[in-house]
Structures are given as structure tokens and as C-alpha cells.
C-alpha atoms as a PDB file:
ATOM      1  CA  MET A   1      52.877  72.443 107.034  1.00  0.00           C
ATOM      2  CA  THR A   2      51.783  75.510 108.932  1.00  0.00           C
ATOM      3  CA  THR A   3      51.803  78.996 107.512  1.00  0.00           C
ATOM      4  CA  MET A   4      52.890  82.022 109.426  1.00  0.00           C
ATOM      5  CA  LYS A   5      51.028  85.296 109.619  1.00  0.00           C
ATOM      6  CA  ASN A   6      52.241  88.008 107.260  1.00  0.00           C
ATOM      7  CA  SER A   7      52.302  90.584 110.023  1.00  0.00           C
ATOM      8  CA  ILE A   8      52.558  90.696 113.788  1.00  0.00           C
ATOM      9  CA  HIS A   9      51.789  93.345 116.386  1.00  0.00           C
ATOM     10  CA  ASP A  10      54.110  94.093 119.320  1.00  0.00           C
ATOM     11  CA  ASN A  11      52.040  95.199 122.284  1.00  0.00           C
ATOM     12  CA  ALA A  12      55.124  96.349 124.190  1.00  0.00           C
ATOM     13  CA  ASN A  13      55.886  99.189 121.778  1.00  0.00           C
ATOM     14  CA  GLY A  14      52.690  99.339 119.710  1.00  0.00           C
ATOM     15  CA  LEU A  15      54.445  98.678 116.397  1.00  0.00           C
ATOM     16  CA  ASP A  16      53.285  96.418 113.575  1.00  0.00           C
ATOM     17  CA  TYR A  17      55.873  94.272 111.757  1.00  0.00           C
ATOM     18  CA  THR A  18      55.484  92.787 108.272  1.00  0.00           C
ATOM     19  CA  LEU A  19      57.249  89.483 107.803  1.00  0.00           C
ATOM     20  CA  VAL A  20      59.145  89.148 104.537  1.00  0.00           C
ATOM     21  CA  ASN A  21      61.110  86.324 102.984  1.00  0.00           C
ATOM     22  CA  VAL A  22      64.673  87.545 103.629  1.00  0.00           C
ATOM     23  CA  PRO A  23      67.481  85.091 104.372  1.00  0.00           C
ATOM     24  CA  ASN A  24      69.233  85.364 107.714  1.00  0.00           C
ATOM     25  CA  LEU A  25      72.838  86.263 106.885  1.00  0.00           C
ATOM     26  CA  THR A  26      75.545  85.438 109.354  1.00  0.00           C
ATOM     27  CA  ALA A  27      79.277  85.887 109.130  1.00  0.00           C
ATOM     28  CA  ALA A  28      81.226  82.654 108.922  1.00  0.00           C
ATOM     29  CA  ALA A  29      83.550  82.103 111.843  1.00  0.00           C
ATOM     30  CA  PRO A  30      87.181  82.478 110.763  1.00  0.00           C
ATOM     31  CA  ALA A  31      89.167  79.239 110.883  1.00  0.00           C
ATOM     32  CA  GLU A  32      91.952  80.879 112.876  1.00  0.00           C
ATOM     33  CA  GLN A  33      92.774  84.320 114.194  1.00  0.00           C
ATOM     34  CA  HIS A  34      95.261  86.381 112.198  1.00  0.00           C
ATOM     35  CA  PRO A  35      96.856  89.525 113.589  1.00  0.00           C
ATOM     36  CA  THR A  36      96.268  92.546 111.406  1.00  0.00           C
ATOM     37  CA  GLY A  37      98.863  95.296 111.440  1.00  0.00           C
ATOM     38  CA  ARG A  38      98.948  98.854 110.207  1.00  0.00           C
ATOM     39  CA  TRP A  39      98.784  98.074 106.483  1.00  0.00           C
ATOM     40  CA  GLY A  40      95.974  95.561 106.926  1.00  0.00           C
ATOM     41  CA  ARG A  41      93.898  98.031 108.913  1.00  0.00           C
ATOM     42  CA  LEU A  42      94.424 100.724 106.280  1.00  0.00           C
ATOM     43  CA  HIS A  43      93.402  98.325 103.526  1.00  0.00           C
ATOM     44  CA  LYS A  44      90.334  97.247 105.502  1.00  0.00           C
ATOM     45  CA  THR A  45      89.201 100.875 105.713  1.00  0.00           C
ATOM     46  CA  TYR A  46      89.907 101.282 101.988  1.00  0.00           C
ATOM     47  CA  LEU A  47      87.809  98.209 101.171  1.00  0.00           C
ATOM     48  CA  LYS A  48      84.912  99.378 103.347  1.00  0.00           C
ATOM     49  CA  GLU A  49      84.831 102.781 101.668  1.00  0.00           C
ATOM     50  CA  GLN A  50      85.785 102.013  98.056  1.00  0.00           C
ATOM     51  CA  HIS A  51      84.840  98.335  97.526  1.00  0.00           C
ATOM     52  CA  PRO A  52      81.997  97.525  99.932  1.00  0.00           C
ATOM     53  CA  ILE A  53      80.787  94.497  97.950  1.00  0.00           C
ATOM     54  CA  GLN A  54      84.185  92.791  98.026  1.00  0.00           C
ATOM     55  CA  TYR A  55      84.582  93.729 101.692  1.00  0.00           C
ATOM     56  CA  ASN A  56      81.224  92.141 102.570  1.00  0.00           C
ATOM     57  CA  GLN A  57      81.991  89.020 100.534  1.00  0.00           C
ATOM     58  CA  LEU A  58      85.310  88.560 102.341  1.00  0.00           C
ATOM     59  CA  LEU A  59      83.688  89.251 105.703  1.00  0.00           C
ATOM     60  CA  LEU A  60      80.737  86.901 105.220  1.00  0.00           C
ATOM     61  CA  SER A  61      82.937  84.087 103.873  1.00  0.00           C
ATOM     62  CA  GLY A  62      85.269  84.351 106.875  1.00  0.00           C
ATOM     63  CA  GLU A  63      88.291  85.117 104.676  1.00  0.00           C
ATOM     64  CA  LEU A  64      88.755  88.781 105.617  1.00  0.00           C
ATOM     65  CA  ASP A  65      91.165  88.309 108.542  1.00  0.00           C
ATOM     66  CA  GLY A  66      93.429  85.920 106.630  1.00  0.00           C
ATOM     67  CA  TYR A  67      93.403  88.168 103.570  1.00  0.00           C
ATOM     68  CA  LEU A  68      94.317  91.256 105.613  1.00  0.00           C
ATOM     69  CA  ALA A  69      97.049  89.412 107.529  1.00  0.00           C
ATOM     70  CA  LYS A  70      98.582  88.201 104.249  1.00  0.00           C
ATOM     71  CA  LEU A  71      98.453  91.706 102.767  1.00  0.00           C
ATOM     72  CA  ASP A  72      99.979  93.162 105.940  1.00  0.00           C
ATOM     73  CA  LYS A  73     102.861  90.688 105.875  1.00  0.00           C
ATOM     74  CA  GLN A  74     103.482  91.350 102.180  1.00  0.00           C
ATOM     75  CA  ALA A  75     103.508  95.121 102.790  1.00  0.00           C
ATOM     76  CA  GLU A  76     105.955  94.834 105.722  1.00  0.00           C
ATOM     77  CA  GLU A  77     108.337  92.673 103.673  1.00  0.00           C
ATOM     78  CA  GLN A  78     108.137  95.046 100.713  1.00  0.00           C
ATOM     79  CA  LEU A  79     108.723  98.045 102.986  1.00  0.00           C
ATOM     80  CA  ALA A  80     111.896  96.509 104.477  1.00  0.00           C
ATOM     81  CA  LEU A  81     113.203  95.608 101.015  1.00  0.00           C
ATOM     82  CA  THR A  82     112.449  99.058  99.594  1.00  0.00           C
ATOM     83  CA  ILE A  83     114.175 100.784 102.517  1.00  0.00           C
ATOM     84  CA  ARG A  84     117.289  98.603 102.103  1.00  0.00           C
ATOM     85  CA  GLN A  85     117.420  99.278  98.377  1.00  0.00           C
ATOM     86  CA  MET A  86     117.018 103.029  98.849  1.00  0.00           C
ATOM     87  CA  GLN A  87     119.718 103.069 101.543  1.00  0.00           C
ATOM     88  CA  GLU A  88     122.152 101.359  99.191  1.00  0.00           C
ATOM     89  CA  ALA A  89     121.262 103.611  96.258  1.00  0.00           C
ATOM     90  CA  GLU A  90     121.655 106.795  98.307  1.00  0.00           C
ATOM     91  CA  GLY A  91     124.755 105.754 100.237  1.00  0.00           C
ATOM     92  CA  VAL A  92     123.172 105.845 103.691  1.00  0.00           C
ATOM     93  CA  THR A  93     125.563 103.549 105.564  1.00  0.00           C
ATOM     94  CA  GLU A  94     126.763 102.777 109.073  1.00  0.00           C
ATOM     95  CA  ALA A  95     129.836 104.903 108.281  1.00  0.00           C
ATOM     96  CA  LEU A  96     127.578 107.930 107.750  1.00  0.00           C
ATOM     97  CA  LYS A  97     125.776 107.105 110.977  1.00  0.00           C
ATOM     98  CA  ALA A  98     129.068 107.088 112.882  1.00  0.00           C
ATOM     99  CA  ALA A  99     130.284 110.292 111.231  1.00  0.00           C
ATOM    100  CA  ASP A 100     127.105 112.415 111.285  1.00  0.00           C
ATOM    101  CA  GLN A 101     124.160 111.010 113.205  1.00  0.00           C
ATOM    102  CA  LEU A 102     121.783 113.882 112.480  1.00  0.00           C
ATOM    103  CA  GLU A 103     122.384 113.632 108.734  1.00  0.00           C
ATOM    104  CA  TRP A 104     121.862 109.860 108.912  1.00  0.00           C
ATOM    105  CA  VAL A 105     118.551 110.306 110.765  1.00  0.00           C
ATOM    106  CA  ARG A 106     117.391 112.951 108.292  1.00  0.00           C
ATOM    107  CA  ARG A 107     118.145 110.713 105.322  1.00  0.00           C
ATOM    108  CA  MET A 108     116.624 107.624 106.930  1.00  0.00           C
ATOM    109  CA  ASN A 109     113.427 109.515 107.745  1.00  0.00           C
ATOM    110  CA  SER A 110     113.234 110.673 104.145  1.00  0.00           C
ATOM    111  CA  ILE A 111     113.803 107.138 102.856  1.00  0.00           C
ATOM    112  CA  ARG A 112     111.221 105.648 105.214  1.00  0.00           C
ATOM    113  CA  ASN A 113     108.583 108.251 104.308  1.00  0.00           C
ATOM    114  CA  ARG A 114     109.087 107.678 100.587  1.00  0.00           C
ATOM    115  CA  ALA A 115     109.042 103.892 101.001  1.00  0.00           C
ATOM    116  CA  GLU A 116     105.787 104.069 102.996  1.00  0.00           C
ATOM    117  CA  GLU A 117     104.182 106.157 100.248  1.00  0.00           C
ATOM    118  CA  ILE A 118     105.168 103.492  97.725  1.00  0.00           C
ATOM    119  CA  ILE A 119     103.602 100.761  99.873  1.00  0.00           C
ATOM    120  CA  LEU A 120     100.402 102.778 100.292  1.00  0.00           C
ATOM    121  CA  ARG A 121     100.042 103.365  96.553  1.00  0.00           C
ATOM    122  CA  GLU A 122     101.113  99.960  95.250  1.00  0.00           C
ATOM    123  CA  ILE A 123      99.762  97.554  97.879  1.00  0.00           C
ATOM    124  CA  VAL A 124      97.251  99.125 100.244  1.00  0.00           C
ATOM    125  CA  PHE A 125      95.194 101.279  97.878  1.00  0.00           C
ATOM    126  CA  ASN A 126      95.752  99.412  94.625  1.00  0.00           C
ATOM    127  CA  THR A 127      95.319  95.739  95.470  1.00  0.00           C
ATOM    128  CA  TYR A 128      91.838  95.180  94.072  1.00  0.00           C
ATOM    129  CA  LYS A 129      92.708  96.802  90.776  1.00  0.00           C
ATOM    130  CA  ASN A 130      95.416  94.138  90.291  1.00  0.00           C
ATOM    131  CA  GLN A 131      93.420  91.105  91.459  1.00  0.00           C
ATOM    132  CA  ALA A 132      90.636  89.206  89.825  1.00  0.00           C
ATOM    133  CA  PHE A 133      88.011  88.906  92.530  1.00  0.00           C
ATOM    134  CA  ALA A 134      85.822  85.871  92.116  1.00  0.00           C
END
């Protein structure tokens, strides 16, 4: 078995390099491509900033894209359900839309904004607090 030198000199730039025993880390290739939507991208940014260790573990294991796609789908489904429930509770119907379109748009915008805030708080920015990360 041959041993390597502990340091090398690069004549091109005049720098000396010390060789250390550090493993070469590479990201695993994801099994399949998953589209990531708005909620997934927001959660990805949240993970990078607030939970960098979990983000790097997901990235290096190749599970990040699938995880974000699943979260994005869950958030979209929850958003649609929340909007429907709020519409029913507040009486925002097709009859209102036919009678007063501007009022219907105002109420729907209010409902959508509130529903998106719920999704942000409960799914996008709170997921890791509710999961046991192995």
C-alpha cells in the first residue's frame, strides 16, 4: 500500500494544500423528479434557514424533492378544503356572485387570504415541529 504526501504544492497558483481525511460527500440522485409548487418552495426556504441539518439530510439522501412535492400537494388540498368550508360558513354562494359580483370578489379574496395564512402557519412553517425526524 502506498502512502500519499500530506501536502502538495500547486505551481500554477503558488498555493500549498494540506491533505486531510475528509469523506467526499455527494448528493444521492433522486429516484424520480417531483414538481415542487409554491408551498414546497416556501418550505424549502424555511428548512434552509431554520432547520439546515434536516434540510441537508433530506438533500443528501435524495428525499428532498419527494418530501417537498408531498408537502405541496397536501397544502394545495388543505387550501381548497379550507376555502370551501369558509365559503359555506360565510354564505359566499353562486347566488351572491350573480347578484353582486364585486361583493363576491371582495369576500372571496378575504377568504383566500385567510386560508393561505392558515396553510402557511400550520403546514409550511410548522411541519418539523409536528414530525419526528429520524
